[in-house]
Amino acid sequence: MTHIVMPVSPTEKADRLQVSVHIEAEVLSAEAARREANYWLLENVGNLLRTDNPELVLGEQLVWRVDIVLTSPTRGQVGAIGRLELDAITGKVLADETLAEELTPCAHALMAN
């Protein structure tokens, strides 16, 4: 299932909010975005990670956001260790080198539990 996530100002005080959205853009499908993200994870972090729960985020840039899930051959799906964003039009991963470095200790900590 695809979700559309819209940020809302925390200062919004009204009980109701009127929303009218019209965006015309050709974007990657959720599955194509997941494939791109899975490839990036394989190349930059490790082979026991996969993505899940793609969300199409509307903002200044159209972005696919996916959960990063740690798996184990013996335990199956272990749990989520982070999130990854991709440009929804180009499929380019929107992460710097530090994300890969941050995910590894998260994965080790989750496996230790």
PDB file of N, CA and C in Angstrom:
ATOM      1  N   MET A   1       0.834  -1.163   0.000  1.00  0.00           N
ATOM      2  CA  MET A   1       0.000   0.000   0.000  1.00  0.00           C
ATOM      3  C   MET A   1       0.892   1.243   0.000  1.00  0.00           C
ATOM      4  N   THR A   2       0.512   2.245  -0.748  1.00  0.00           N
ATOM      5  CA  THR A   2       1.241   3.502  -0.823  1.00  0.00           C
ATOM      6  C   THR A   2       0.577   4.535   0.072  1.00  0.00           C
ATOM      7  N   HIS A   3       1.387   5.236   0.854  1.00  0.00           N
ATOM      8  CA  HIS A   3       0.889   6.292   1.722  1.00  0.00           C
ATOM      9  C   HIS A   3       1.368   7.636   1.202  1.00  0.00           C
ATOM     10  N   ILE A   4       0.587   8.653   1.396  1.00  0.00           N
ATOM     11  CA  ILE A   4       1.005  10.015   1.106  1.00  0.00           C
ATOM     12  C   ILE A   4       1.118  10.722   2.444  1.00  0.00           C
ATOM     13  N   VAL A   5       2.311  11.204   2.749  1.00  0.00           N
ATOM     14  CA  VAL A   5       2.575  11.835   4.029  1.00  0.00           C
ATOM     15  C   VAL A   5       2.708  13.332   3.810  1.00  0.00           C
ATOM     16  N   MET A   6       1.922  14.105   4.541  1.00  0.00           N
ATOM     17  CA  MET A   6       1.972  15.556   4.408  1.00  0.00           C
ATOM     18  C   MET A   6       2.347  16.163   5.750  1.00  0.00           C
ATOM     19  N   PRO A   7       3.442  16.941   5.789  1.00  0.00           N
ATOM     20  CA  PRO A   7       3.805  17.579   7.055  1.00  0.00           C
ATOM     21  C   PRO A   7       2.790  18.653   7.433  1.00  0.00           C
ATOM     22  N   VAL A   8       2.510  18.763   8.716  1.00  0.00           N
ATOM     23  CA  VAL A   8       1.575  19.763   9.223  1.00  0.00           C
ATOM     24  C   VAL A   8       2.296  20.572  10.290  1.00  0.00           C
ATOM     25  N   SER A   9       2.098  21.868  10.279  1.00  0.00           N
ATOM     26  CA  SER A   9       2.734  22.754  11.243  1.00  0.00           C
ATOM     27  C   SER A   9       2.228  22.454  12.649  1.00  0.00           C
ATOM     28  N   PRO A  10       3.131  22.343  13.635  1.00  0.00           N
ATOM     29  CA  PRO A  10       2.690  22.089  15.007  1.00  0.00           C
ATOM     30  C   PRO A  10       1.931  23.271  15.607  1.00  0.00           C
ATOM     31  N   THR A  11       1.992  24.425  14.958  1.00  0.00           N
ATOM     32  CA  THR A  11       1.281  25.602  15.468  1.00  0.00           C
ATOM     33  C   THR A  11      -0.146  25.676  14.953  1.00  0.00           C
ATOM     34  N   GLU A  12      -0.544  24.719  14.103  1.00  0.00           N
ATOM     35  CA  GLU A  12      -1.907  24.687  13.561  1.00  0.00           C
ATOM     36  C   GLU A  12      -2.892  24.471  14.707  1.00  0.00           C
ATOM     37  N   LYS A  13      -3.825  25.415  14.882  1.00  0.00           N
ATOM     38  CA  LYS A  13      -4.742  25.352  16.016  1.00  0.00           C
ATOM     39  C   LYS A  13      -6.184  25.053  15.616  1.00  0.00           C
ATOM     40  N   ALA A  14      -6.483  25.040  14.340  1.00  0.00           N
ATOM     41  CA  ALA A  14      -7.856  24.802  13.890  1.00  0.00           C
ATOM     42  C   ALA A  14      -8.240  23.339  14.102  1.00  0.00           C
ATOM     43  N   ASP A  15      -9.541  23.110  14.286  1.00  0.00           N
ATOM     44  CA  ASP A  15     -10.043  21.745  14.433  1.00  0.00           C
ATOM     45  C   ASP A  15     -10.153  21.035  13.093  1.00  0.00           C
ATOM     46  N   ARG A  16     -10.221  21.800  12.031  1.00  0.00           N
ATOM     47  CA  ARG A  16     -10.359  21.252  10.682  1.00  0.00           C
ATOM     48  C   ARG A  16      -9.265  21.824   9.794  1.00  0.00           C
ATOM     49  N   LEU A  17      -8.910  21.066   8.783  1.00  0.00           N
ATOM     50  CA  LEU A  17      -7.896  21.476   7.824  1.00  0.00           C
ATOM     51  C   LEU A  17      -8.411  21.139   6.443  1.00  0.00           C
ATOM     52  N   GLN A  18      -8.411  22.099   5.551  1.00  0.00           N
ATOM     53  CA  GLN A  18      -8.862  21.842   4.187  1.00  0.00           C
ATOM     54  C   GLN A  18      -7.639  21.524   3.334  1.00  0.00           C
ATOM     55  N   VAL A  19      -7.711  20.423   2.613  1.00  0.00           N
ATOM     56  CA  VAL A  19      -6.593  19.973   1.804  1.00  0.00           C
ATOM     57  C   VAL A  19      -7.057  19.810   0.372  1.00  0.00           C
ATOM     58  N   SER A  20      -6.317  20.404  -0.532  1.00  0.00           N
ATOM     59  CA  SER A  20      -6.565  20.243  -1.961  1.00  0.00           C
ATOM     60  C   SER A  20      -5.212  20.043  -2.617  1.00  0.00           C
ATOM     61  N   VAL A  21      -5.017  18.893  -3.203  1.00  0.00           N
ATOM     62  CA  VAL A  21      -3.716  18.562  -3.768  1.00  0.00           C
ATOM     63  C   VAL A  21      -3.877  18.160  -5.224  1.00  0.00           C
ATOM     64  N   HIS A  22      -3.066  18.759  -6.069  1.00  0.00           N
ATOM     65  CA  HIS A  22      -2.990  18.329  -7.454  1.00  0.00           C
ATOM     66  C   HIS A  22      -1.517  18.343  -7.834  1.00  0.00           C
ATOM     67  N   ILE A  23      -0.987  17.176  -8.030  1.00  0.00           N
ATOM     68  CA  ILE A  23       0.406  17.038  -8.442  1.00  0.00           C
ATOM     69  C   ILE A  23       0.424  16.146  -9.658  1.00  0.00           C
ATOM     70  N   GLU A  24       1.098  16.613 -10.669  1.00  0.00           N
ATOM     71  CA  GLU A  24       1.240  15.801 -11.868  1.00  0.00           C
ATOM     72  C   GLU A  24       2.718  15.540 -12.079  1.00  0.00           C
ATOM     73  N   ALA A  25       3.112  14.306 -11.851  1.00  0.00           N
ATOM     74  CA  ALA A  25       4.510  13.926 -12.000  1.00  0.00           C
ATOM     75  C   ALA A  25       4.574  12.434 -12.273  1.00  0.00           C
ATOM     76  N   GLU A  26       5.539  12.053 -13.063  1.00  0.00           N
ATOM     77  CA  GLU A  26       5.782  10.631 -13.292  1.00  0.00           C
ATOM     78  C   GLU A  26       6.857  10.194 -12.311  1.00  0.00           C
ATOM     79  N   VAL A  27       6.483   9.311 -11.397  1.00  0.00           N
ATOM     80  CA  VAL A  27       7.410   8.861 -10.363  1.00  0.00           C
ATOM     81  C   VAL A  27       7.600   7.352 -10.464  1.00  0.00           C
ATOM     82  N   LEU A  28       8.663   6.885  -9.834  1.00  0.00           N
ATOM     83  CA  LEU A  28       8.890   5.443  -9.754  1.00  0.00           C
ATOM     84  C   LEU A  28       7.746   4.791  -8.990  1.00  0.00           C
ATOM     85  N   SER A  29       7.467   3.562  -9.309  1.00  0.00           N
ATOM     86  CA  SER A  29       6.486   2.815  -8.520  1.00  0.00           C
ATOM     87  C   SER A  29       7.103   2.497  -7.160  1.00  0.00           C
ATOM     88  N   ALA A  30       6.268   2.138  -6.218  1.00  0.00           N
ATOM     89  CA  ALA A  30       6.752   1.768  -4.889  1.00  0.00           C
ATOM     90  C   ALA A  30       7.722   0.589  -4.983  1.00  0.00           C
ATOM     91  N   GLU A  31       7.414  -0.373  -5.832  1.00  0.00           N
ATOM     92  CA  GLU A  31       8.276  -1.552  -5.967  1.00  0.00           C
ATOM     93  C   GLU A  31       9.621  -1.185  -6.586  1.00  0.00           C
ATOM     94  N   ALA A  32       9.622  -0.314  -7.592  1.00  0.00           N
ATOM     95  CA  ALA A  32      10.883   0.126  -8.202  1.00  0.00           C
ATOM     96  C   ALA A  32      11.730   0.886  -7.183  1.00  0.00           C
ATOM     97  N   ALA A  33      11.096   1.705  -6.365  1.00  0.00           N
ATOM     98  CA  ALA A  33      11.821   2.440  -5.323  1.00  0.00           C
ATOM     99  C   ALA A  33      12.428   1.468  -4.311  1.00  0.00           C
ATOM    100  N   ARG A  34      11.678   0.450  -3.936  1.00  0.00           N
ATOM    101  CA  ARG A  34      12.198  -0.560  -3.002  1.00  0.00           C
ATOM    102  C   ARG A  34      13.400  -1.290  -3.597  1.00  0.00           C
ATOM    103  N   ARG A  35      13.327  -1.617  -4.884  1.00  0.00           N
ATOM    104  CA  ARG A  35      14.460  -2.293  -5.538  1.00  0.00           C
ATOM    105  C   ARG A  35      15.708  -1.417  -5.500  1.00  0.00           C
ATOM    106  N   GLU A  36      15.547  -0.125  -5.828  1.00  0.00           N
ATOM    107  CA  GLU A  36      16.684   0.805  -5.795  1.00  0.00           C
ATOM    108  C   GLU A  36      17.265   0.885  -4.384  1.00  0.00           C
ATOM    109  N   ALA A  37      16.392   0.991  -3.389  1.00  0.00           N
ATOM    110  CA  ALA A  37      16.840   1.086  -1.999  1.00  0.00           C
ATOM    111  C   ALA A  37      17.530  -0.206  -1.559  1.00  0.00           C
ATOM    112  N   ASN A  38      16.973  -1.354  -1.924  1.00  0.00           N
ATOM    113  CA  ASN A  38      17.584  -2.637  -1.571  1.00  0.00           C
ATOM    114  C   ASN A  38      18.966  -2.774  -2.190  1.00  0.00           C
ATOM    115  N   TYR A  39      19.127  -2.329  -3.433  1.00  0.00           N
ATOM    116  CA  TYR A  39      20.432  -2.386  -4.094  1.00  0.00           C
ATOM    117  C   TYR A  39      21.433  -1.499  -3.353  1.00  0.00           C
ATOM    118  N   TRP A  40      21.000  -0.281  -2.985  1.00  0.00           N
ATOM    119  CA  TRP A  40      21.887   0.634  -2.261  1.00  0.00           C
ATOM    120  C   TRP A  40      22.326   0.013  -0.937  1.00  0.00           C
ATOM    121  N   LEU A  41      21.384  -0.586  -0.220  1.00  0.00           N
ATOM    122  CA  LEU A  41      21.719  -1.225   1.056  1.00  0.00           C
ATOM    123  C   LEU A  41      22.708  -2.370   0.858  1.00  0.00           C
ATOM    124  N   LEU A  42      22.490  -3.182  -0.159  1.00  0.00           N
ATOM    125  CA  LEU A  42      23.391  -4.297  -0.445  1.00  0.00           C
ATOM    126  C   LEU A  42      24.799  -3.797  -0.740  1.00  0.00           C
ATOM    127  N   GLU A  43      24.908  -2.761  -1.547  1.00  0.00           N
ATOM    128  CA  GLU A  43      26.212  -2.228  -1.948  1.00  0.00           C
ATOM    129  C   GLU A  43      26.914  -1.452  -0.831  1.00  0.00           C
ATOM    130  N   ASN A  44      26.162  -0.819   0.051  1.00  0.00           N
ATOM    131  CA  ASN A  44      26.755   0.099   1.018  1.00  0.00           C
ATOM    132  C   ASN A  44      26.732  -0.369   2.468  1.00  0.00           C
ATOM    133  N   VAL A  45      25.863  -1.322   2.792  1.00  0.00           N
ATOM    134  CA  VAL A  45      25.739  -1.719   4.195  1.00  0.00           C
ATOM    135  C   VAL A  45      25.920  -3.223   4.368  1.00  0.00           C
ATOM    136  N   GLY A  46      25.054  -4.021   3.769  1.00  0.00           N
ATOM    137  CA  GLY A  46      25.169  -5.462   3.942  1.00  0.00           C
ATOM    138  C   GLY A  46      24.009  -6.199   3.313  1.00  0.00           C
ATOM    139  N   ASN A  47      24.136  -7.525   3.272  1.00  0.00           N
ATOM    140  CA  ASN A  47      23.147  -8.338   2.560  1.00  0.00           C
ATOM    141  C   ASN A  47      21.988  -8.823   3.427  1.00  0.00           C
ATOM    142  N   LEU A  48      21.956  -8.493   4.701  1.00  0.00           N
ATOM    143  CA  LEU A  48      20.862  -8.939   5.562  1.00  0.00           C
ATOM    144  C   LEU A  48      19.807  -7.855   5.772  1.00  0.00           C
ATOM    145  N   LEU A  49      19.856  -6.819   4.948  1.00  0.00           N
ATOM    146  CA  LEU A  49      18.895  -5.727   5.059  1.00  0.00           C
ATOM    147  C   LEU A  49      17.977  -5.714   3.855  1.00  0.00           C
ATOM    148  N   ARG A  50      16.727  -5.328   4.096  1.00  0.00           N
ATOM    149  CA  ARG A  50      15.771  -5.137   3.009  1.00  0.00           C
ATOM    150  C   ARG A  50      14.870  -3.977   3.386  1.00  0.00           C
ATOM    151  N   THR A  51      14.047  -3.560   2.450  1.00  0.00           N
ATOM    152  CA  THR A  51      13.157  -2.428   2.716  1.00  0.00           C
ATOM    153  C   THR A  51      11.705  -2.886   2.758  1.00  0.00           C
ATOM    154  N   ASP A  52      10.889  -2.055   3.420  1.00  0.00           N
ATOM    155  CA  ASP A  52       9.477  -2.370   3.591  1.00  0.00           C
ATOM    156  C   ASP A  52       8.705  -1.067   3.768  1.00  0.00           C
ATOM    157  N   ASN A  53       7.393  -1.129   3.641  1.00  0.00           N
ATOM    158  CA  ASN A  53       6.476  -0.018   3.903  1.00  0.00           C
ATOM    159  C   ASN A  53       6.811   1.272   3.147  1.00  0.00           C
ATOM    160  N   PRO A  54       6.838   1.241   1.827  1.00  0.00           N
ATOM    161  CA  PRO A  54       7.128   2.478   1.094  1.00  0.00           C
ATOM    162  C   PRO A  54       6.027   3.516   1.287  1.00  0.00           C
ATOM    163  N   GLU A  55       6.454   4.777   1.485  1.00  0.00           N
ATOM    164  CA  GLU A  55       5.538   5.906   1.608  1.00  0.00           C
ATOM    165  C   GLU A  55       5.961   6.968   0.604  1.00  0.00           C
ATOM    166  N   LEU A  56       5.021   7.484  -0.143  1.00  0.00           N
ATOM    167  CA  LEU A  56       5.305   8.595  -1.045  1.00  0.00           C
ATOM    168  C   LEU A  56       5.079   9.876  -0.264  1.00  0.00           C
ATOM    169  N   VAL A  57       6.134  10.660  -0.096  1.00  0.00           N
ATOM    170  CA  VAL A  57       6.083  11.872   0.711  1.00  0.00           C
ATOM    171  C   VAL A  57       6.023  13.078  -0.218  1.00  0.00           C
ATOM    172  N   LEU A  58       4.997  13.897  -0.024  1.00  0.00           N
ATOM    173  CA  LEU A  58       4.833  15.109  -0.817  1.00  0.00           C
ATOM    174  C   LEU A  58       5.439  16.273  -0.056  1.00  0.00           C
ATOM    175  N   GLY A  59       6.328  16.993  -0.701  1.00  0.00           N
ATOM    176  CA  GLY A  59       6.969  18.156  -0.094  1.00  0.00           C
ATOM    177  C   GLY A  59       7.603  18.973  -1.195  1.00  0.00           C
ATOM    178  N   GLU A  60       8.655  19.705  -0.867  1.00  0.00           N
ATOM    179  CA  GLU A  60       9.367  20.454  -1.895  1.00  0.00           C
ATOM    180  C   GLU A  60       9.879  19.506  -2.971  1.00  0.00           C
ATOM    181  N   GLN A  61      10.166  18.292  -2.565  1.00  0.00           N
ATOM    182  CA  GLN A  61      10.630  17.247  -3.467  1.00  0.00           C
ATOM    183  C   GLN A  61       9.751  16.022  -3.232  1.00  0.00           C
ATOM    184  N   LEU A  62       9.400  15.314  -4.297  1.00  0.00           N
ATOM    185  CA  LEU A  62       8.663  14.055  -4.149  1.00  0.00           C
ATOM    186  C   LEU A  62       9.667  12.977  -3.747  1.00  0.00           C
ATOM    187  N   VAL A  63       9.387  12.308  -2.643  1.00  0.00           N
ATOM    188  CA  VAL A  63      10.343  11.370  -2.067  1.00  0.00           C
ATOM    189  C   VAL A  63       9.632  10.073  -1.700  1.00  0.00           C
ATOM    190  N   TRP A  64      10.273   8.949  -2.016  1.00  0.00           N
ATOM    191  CA  TRP A  64       9.842   7.665  -1.466  1.00  0.00           C
ATOM    192  C   TRP A  64      10.611   7.455  -0.173  1.00  0.00           C
ATOM    193  N   ARG A  65       9.913   7.086   0.897  1.00  0.00           N
ATOM    194  CA  ARG A  65      10.539   6.777   2.181  1.00  0.00           C
ATOM    195  C   ARG A  65      10.235   5.315   2.491  1.00  0.00           C
ATOM    196  N   VAL A  66      11.279   4.558   2.834  1.00  0.00           N
ATOM    197  CA  VAL A  66      11.113   3.134   3.141  1.00  0.00           C
ATOM    198  C   VAL A  66      11.750   2.810   4.485  1.00  0.00           C
ATOM    199  N   ASP A  67      11.177   1.846   5.172  1.00  0.00           N
ATOM    200  CA  ASP A  67      11.788   1.330   6.400  1.00  0.00           C
ATOM    201  C   ASP A  67      12.920   0.389   6.014  1.00  0.00           C
ATOM    202  N   ILE A  68      14.001   0.422   6.786  1.00  0.00           N
ATOM    203  CA  ILE A  68      15.111  -0.510   6.597  1.00  0.00           C
ATOM    204  C   ILE A  68      14.947  -1.612   7.639  1.00  0.00           C
ATOM    205  N   VAL A  69      14.840  -2.841   7.168  1.00  0.00           N
ATOM    206  CA  VAL A  69      14.537  -3.978   8.044  1.00  0.00           C
ATOM    207  C   VAL A  69      15.712  -4.952   8.045  1.00  0.00           C
ATOM    208  N   LEU A  70      16.131  -5.331   9.236  1.00  0.00           N
ATOM    209  CA  LEU A  70      17.179  -6.330   9.407  1.00  0.00           C
ATOM    210  C   LEU A  70      16.551  -7.714   9.377  1.00  0.00           C
ATOM    211  N   THR A  71      17.167  -8.620   8.627  1.00  0.00           N
ATOM    212  CA  THR A  71      16.703 -10.003   8.562  1.00  0.00           C
ATOM    213  C   THR A  71      17.831 -10.930   9.002  1.00  0.00           C
ATOM    214  N   SER A  72      17.465 -12.151   9.301  1.00  0.00           N
ATOM    215  CA  SER A  72      18.435 -13.156   9.720  1.00  0.00           C
ATOM    216  C   SER A  72      18.030 -14.492   9.112  1.00  0.00           C
ATOM    217  N   PRO A  73      18.998 -15.278   8.628  1.00  0.00           N
ATOM    218  CA  PRO A  73      18.652 -16.589   8.080  1.00  0.00           C
ATOM    219  C   PRO A  73      17.977 -17.498   9.107  1.00  0.00           C
ATOM    220  N   THR A  74      18.309 -17.329  10.377  1.00  0.00           N
ATOM    221  CA  THR A  74      17.736 -18.197  11.405  1.00  0.00           C
ATOM    222  C   THR A  74      16.524 -17.595  12.107  1.00  0.00           C
ATOM    223  N   ARG A  75      16.439 -16.256  12.142  1.00  0.00           N
ATOM    224  CA  ARG A  75      15.354 -15.603  12.880  1.00  0.00           C
ATOM    225  C   ARG A  75      14.324 -14.926  11.983  1.00  0.00           C
ATOM    226  N   GLY A  76      14.564 -14.882  10.693  1.00  0.00           N
ATOM    227  CA  GLY A  76      13.643 -14.189   9.787  1.00  0.00           C
ATOM    228  C   GLY A  76      13.771 -12.688   9.936  1.00  0.00           C
ATOM    229  N   GLN A  77      12.643 -11.994   9.934  1.00  0.00           N
ATOM    230  CA  GLN A  77      12.658 -10.539  10.088  1.00  0.00           C
ATOM    231  C   GLN A  77      12.934 -10.203  11.547  1.00  0.00           C
ATOM    232  N   VAL A  78      14.037  -9.495  11.789  1.00  0.00           N
ATOM    233  CA  VAL A  78      14.436  -9.166  13.155  1.00  0.00           C
ATOM    234  C   VAL A  78      13.790  -7.858  13.605  1.00  0.00           C
ATOM    235  N   GLY A  79      13.819  -6.834  12.747  1.00  0.00           N
ATOM    236  CA  GLY A  79      13.196  -5.559  13.102  1.00  0.00           C
ATOM    237  C   GLY A  79      13.732  -4.417  12.272  1.00  0.00           C
ATOM    238  N   ALA A  80      13.095  -3.269  12.415  1.00  0.00           N
ATOM    239  CA  ALA A  80      13.487  -2.070  11.669  1.00  0.00           C
ATOM    240  C   ALA A  80      14.669  -1.394  12.354  1.00  0.00           C
ATOM    241  N   ILE A  81      15.618  -0.915  11.546  1.00  0.00           N
ATOM    242  CA  ILE A  81      16.788  -0.226  12.102  1.00  0.00           C
ATOM    243  C   ILE A  81      16.927   1.196  11.571  1.00  0.00           C
ATOM    244  N   GLY A  82      16.031   1.624  10.716  1.00  0.00           N
ATOM    245  CA  GLY A  82      16.133   2.984  10.202  1.00  0.00           C
ATOM    246  C   GLY A  82      15.216   3.195   9.020  1.00  0.00           C
ATOM    247  N   ARG A  83      15.410   4.343   8.372  1.00  0.00           N
ATOM    248  CA  ARG A  83      14.614   4.685   7.192  1.00  0.00           C
ATOM    249  C   ARG A  83      15.545   5.241   6.128  1.00  0.00           C
ATOM    250  N   LEU A  84      15.111   5.093   4.894  1.00  0.00           N
ATOM    251  CA  LEU A  84      15.886   5.563   3.753  1.00  0.00           C
ATOM    252  C   LEU A  84      14.947   6.312   2.822  1.00  0.00           C
ATOM    253  N   GLU A  85      15.440   7.414   2.247  1.00  0.00           N
ATOM    254  CA  GLU A  85      14.628   8.188   1.310  1.00  0.00           C
ATOM    255  C   GLU A  85      15.280   8.185  -0.062  1.00  0.00           C
ATOM    256  N   LEU A  86      14.417   8.188  -1.082  1.00  0.00           N
ATOM    257  CA  LEU A  86      14.866   8.225  -2.468  1.00  0.00           C
ATOM    258  C   LEU A  86      14.093   9.304  -3.204  1.00  0.00           C
ATOM    259  N   ASP A  87      14.748   9.950  -4.147  1.00  0.00           N
ATOM    260  CA  ASP A  87      14.055  10.877  -5.036  1.00  0.00           C
ATOM    261  C   ASP A  87      13.032  10.052  -5.812  1.00  0.00           C
ATOM    262  N   ALA A  88      11.772  10.441  -5.751  1.00  0.00           N
ATOM    263  CA  ALA A  88      10.702   9.645  -6.357  1.00  0.00           C
ATOM    264  C   ALA A  88      10.727   9.674  -7.877  1.00  0.00           C
ATOM    265  N   ILE A  89      11.383  10.667  -8.452  1.00  0.00           N
ATOM    266  CA  ILE A  89      11.438  10.772  -9.911  1.00  0.00           C
ATOM    267  C   ILE A  89      12.650  10.035 -10.469  1.00  0.00           C
ATOM    268  N   THR A  90      13.834  10.256  -9.867  1.00  0.00           N
ATOM    269  CA  THR A  90      15.063   9.664 -10.402  1.00  0.00           C
ATOM    270  C   THR A  90      15.424   8.330  -9.762  1.00  0.00           C
ATOM    271  N   GLY A  91      14.946   8.085  -8.548  1.00  0.00           N
ATOM    272  CA  GLY A  91      15.321   6.875  -7.827  1.00  0.00           C
ATOM    273  C   GLY A  91      16.632   6.999  -7.077  1.00  0.00           C
ATOM    274  N   LYS A  92      17.262   8.173  -7.122  1.00  0.00           N
ATOM    275  CA  LYS A  92      18.539   8.377  -6.436  1.00  0.00           C
ATOM    276  C   LYS A  92      18.317   8.355  -4.925  1.00  0.00           C
ATOM    277  N   VAL A  93      19.154   7.594  -4.236  1.00  0.00           N
ATOM    278  CA  VAL A  93      19.077   7.519  -2.779  1.00  0.00           C
ATOM    279  C   VAL A  93      19.539   8.847  -2.197  1.00  0.00           C
ATOM    280  N   LEU A  94      18.761   9.383  -1.270  1.00  0.00           N
ATOM    281  CA  LEU A  94      19.062  10.668  -0.642  1.00  0.00           C
ATOM    282  C   LEU A  94      19.704  10.419   0.722  1.00  0.00           C
ATOM    283  N   ALA A  95      20.921   9.926   0.693  1.00  0.00           N
ATOM    284  CA  ALA A  95      21.645   9.625   1.932  1.00  0.00           C
ATOM    285  C   ALA A  95      23.117   9.926   1.710  1.00  0.00           C
ATOM    286  N   ASP A  96      23.784  10.295   2.779  1.00  0.00           N
ATOM    287  CA  ASP A  96      25.223  10.492   2.689  1.00  0.00           C
ATOM    288  C   ASP A  96      25.938   9.253   3.233  1.00  0.00           C
ATOM    289  N   GLU A  97      27.262   9.313   3.230  1.00  0.00           N
ATOM    290  CA  GLU A  97      28.058   8.156   3.648  1.00  0.00           C
ATOM    291  C   GLU A  97      27.811   7.786   5.108  1.00  0.00           C
ATOM    292  N   THR A  98      27.413   8.760   5.912  1.00  0.00           N
ATOM    293  CA  THR A  98      27.260   8.475   7.339  1.00  0.00           C
ATOM    294  C   THR A  98      26.081   7.547   7.631  1.00  0.00           C
ATOM    295  N   LEU A  99      25.074   7.528   6.770  1.00  0.00           N
ATOM    296  CA  LEU A  99      23.930   6.648   7.029  1.00  0.00           C
ATOM    297  C   LEU A  99      24.372   5.190   7.066  1.00  0.00           C
ATOM    298  N   ALA A 100      25.186   4.782   6.108  1.00  0.00           N
ATOM    299  CA  ALA A 100      25.667   3.399   6.090  1.00  0.00           C
ATOM    300  C   ALA A 100      26.450   3.084   7.363  1.00  0.00           C
ATOM    301  N   GLU A 101      27.259   4.048   7.815  1.00  0.00           N
ATOM    302  CA  GLU A 101      28.043   3.849   9.033  1.00  0.00           C
ATOM    303  C   GLU A 101      27.145   3.762  10.268  1.00  0.00           C
ATOM    304  N   GLU A 102      26.033   4.488  10.272  1.00  0.00           N
ATOM    305  CA  GLU A 102      25.120   4.488  11.415  1.00  0.00           C
ATOM    306  C   GLU A 102      24.262   3.220  11.472  1.00  0.00           C
ATOM    307  N   LEU A 103      23.970   2.636  10.322  1.00  0.00           N
ATOM    308  CA  LEU A 103      23.095   1.463  10.292  1.00  0.00           C
ATOM    309  C   LEU A 103      23.764   0.213  10.853  1.00  0.00           C
ATOM    310  N   THR A 104      25.058   0.070  10.634  1.00  0.00           N
ATOM    311  CA  THR A 104      25.761  -1.137  11.067  1.00  0.00           C
ATOM    312  C   THR A 104      25.678  -1.354  12.578  1.00  0.00           C
ATOM    313  N   PRO A 105      25.997  -0.353  13.415  1.00  0.00           N
ATOM    314  CA  PRO A 105      25.856  -0.588  14.858  1.00  0.00           C
ATOM    315  C   PRO A 105      24.408  -0.846  15.289  1.00  0.00           C
ATOM    316  N   CYS A 106      23.459  -0.219  14.607  1.00  0.00           N
ATOM    317  CA  CYS A 106      22.043  -0.470  14.919  1.00  0.00           C
ATOM    318  C   CYS A 106      21.697  -1.933  14.651  1.00  0.00           C
ATOM    319  N   ALA A 107      22.190  -2.455  13.534  1.00  0.00           N
ATOM    320  CA  ALA A 107      21.932  -3.853  13.183  1.00  0.00           C
ATOM    321  C   ALA A 107      22.572  -4.794  14.203  1.00  0.00           C
ATOM    322  N   HIS A 108      23.812  -4.509  14.588  1.00  0.00           N
ATOM    323  CA  HIS A 108      24.493  -5.357  15.580  1.00  0.00           C
ATOM    324  C   HIS A 108      23.753  -5.339  16.921  1.00  0.00           C
ATOM    325  N   ALA A 109      23.295  -4.162  17.338  1.00  0.00           N
ATOM    326  CA  ALA A 109      22.578  -4.050  18.614  1.00  0.00           C
ATOM    327  C   ALA A 109      21.267  -4.829  18.577  1.00  0.00           C
ATOM    328  N   LEU A 110      20.560  -4.746  17.462  1.00  0.00           N
ATOM    329  CA  LEU A 110      19.288  -5.460  17.350  1.00  0.00           C
ATOM    330  C   LEU A 110      19.504  -6.973  17.326  1.00  0.00           C
ATOM    331  N   MET A 111      20.557  -7.422  16.659  1.00  0.00           N
ATOM    332  CA  MET A 111      20.850  -8.862  16.616  1.00  0.00           C
ATOM    333  C   MET A 111      21.250  -9.386  17.993  1.00  0.00           C
ATOM    334  N   ALA A 112      21.846  -8.529  18.821  1.00  0.00           N
ATOM    335  CA  ALA A 112      22.290  -8.953  20.151  1.00  0.00           C
ATOM    336  C   ALA A 112      21.115  -9.181  21.097  1.00  0.00           C
ATOM    337  N   ASN A 113      19.971  -8.582  20.807  1.00  0.00           N
ATOM    338  CA  ASN A 113      18.791  -8.738  21.681  1.00  0.00           C
ATOM    339  C   ASN A 113      18.132 -10.079  21.488  1.00  0.00           C
TER     340      ASN A 113
END
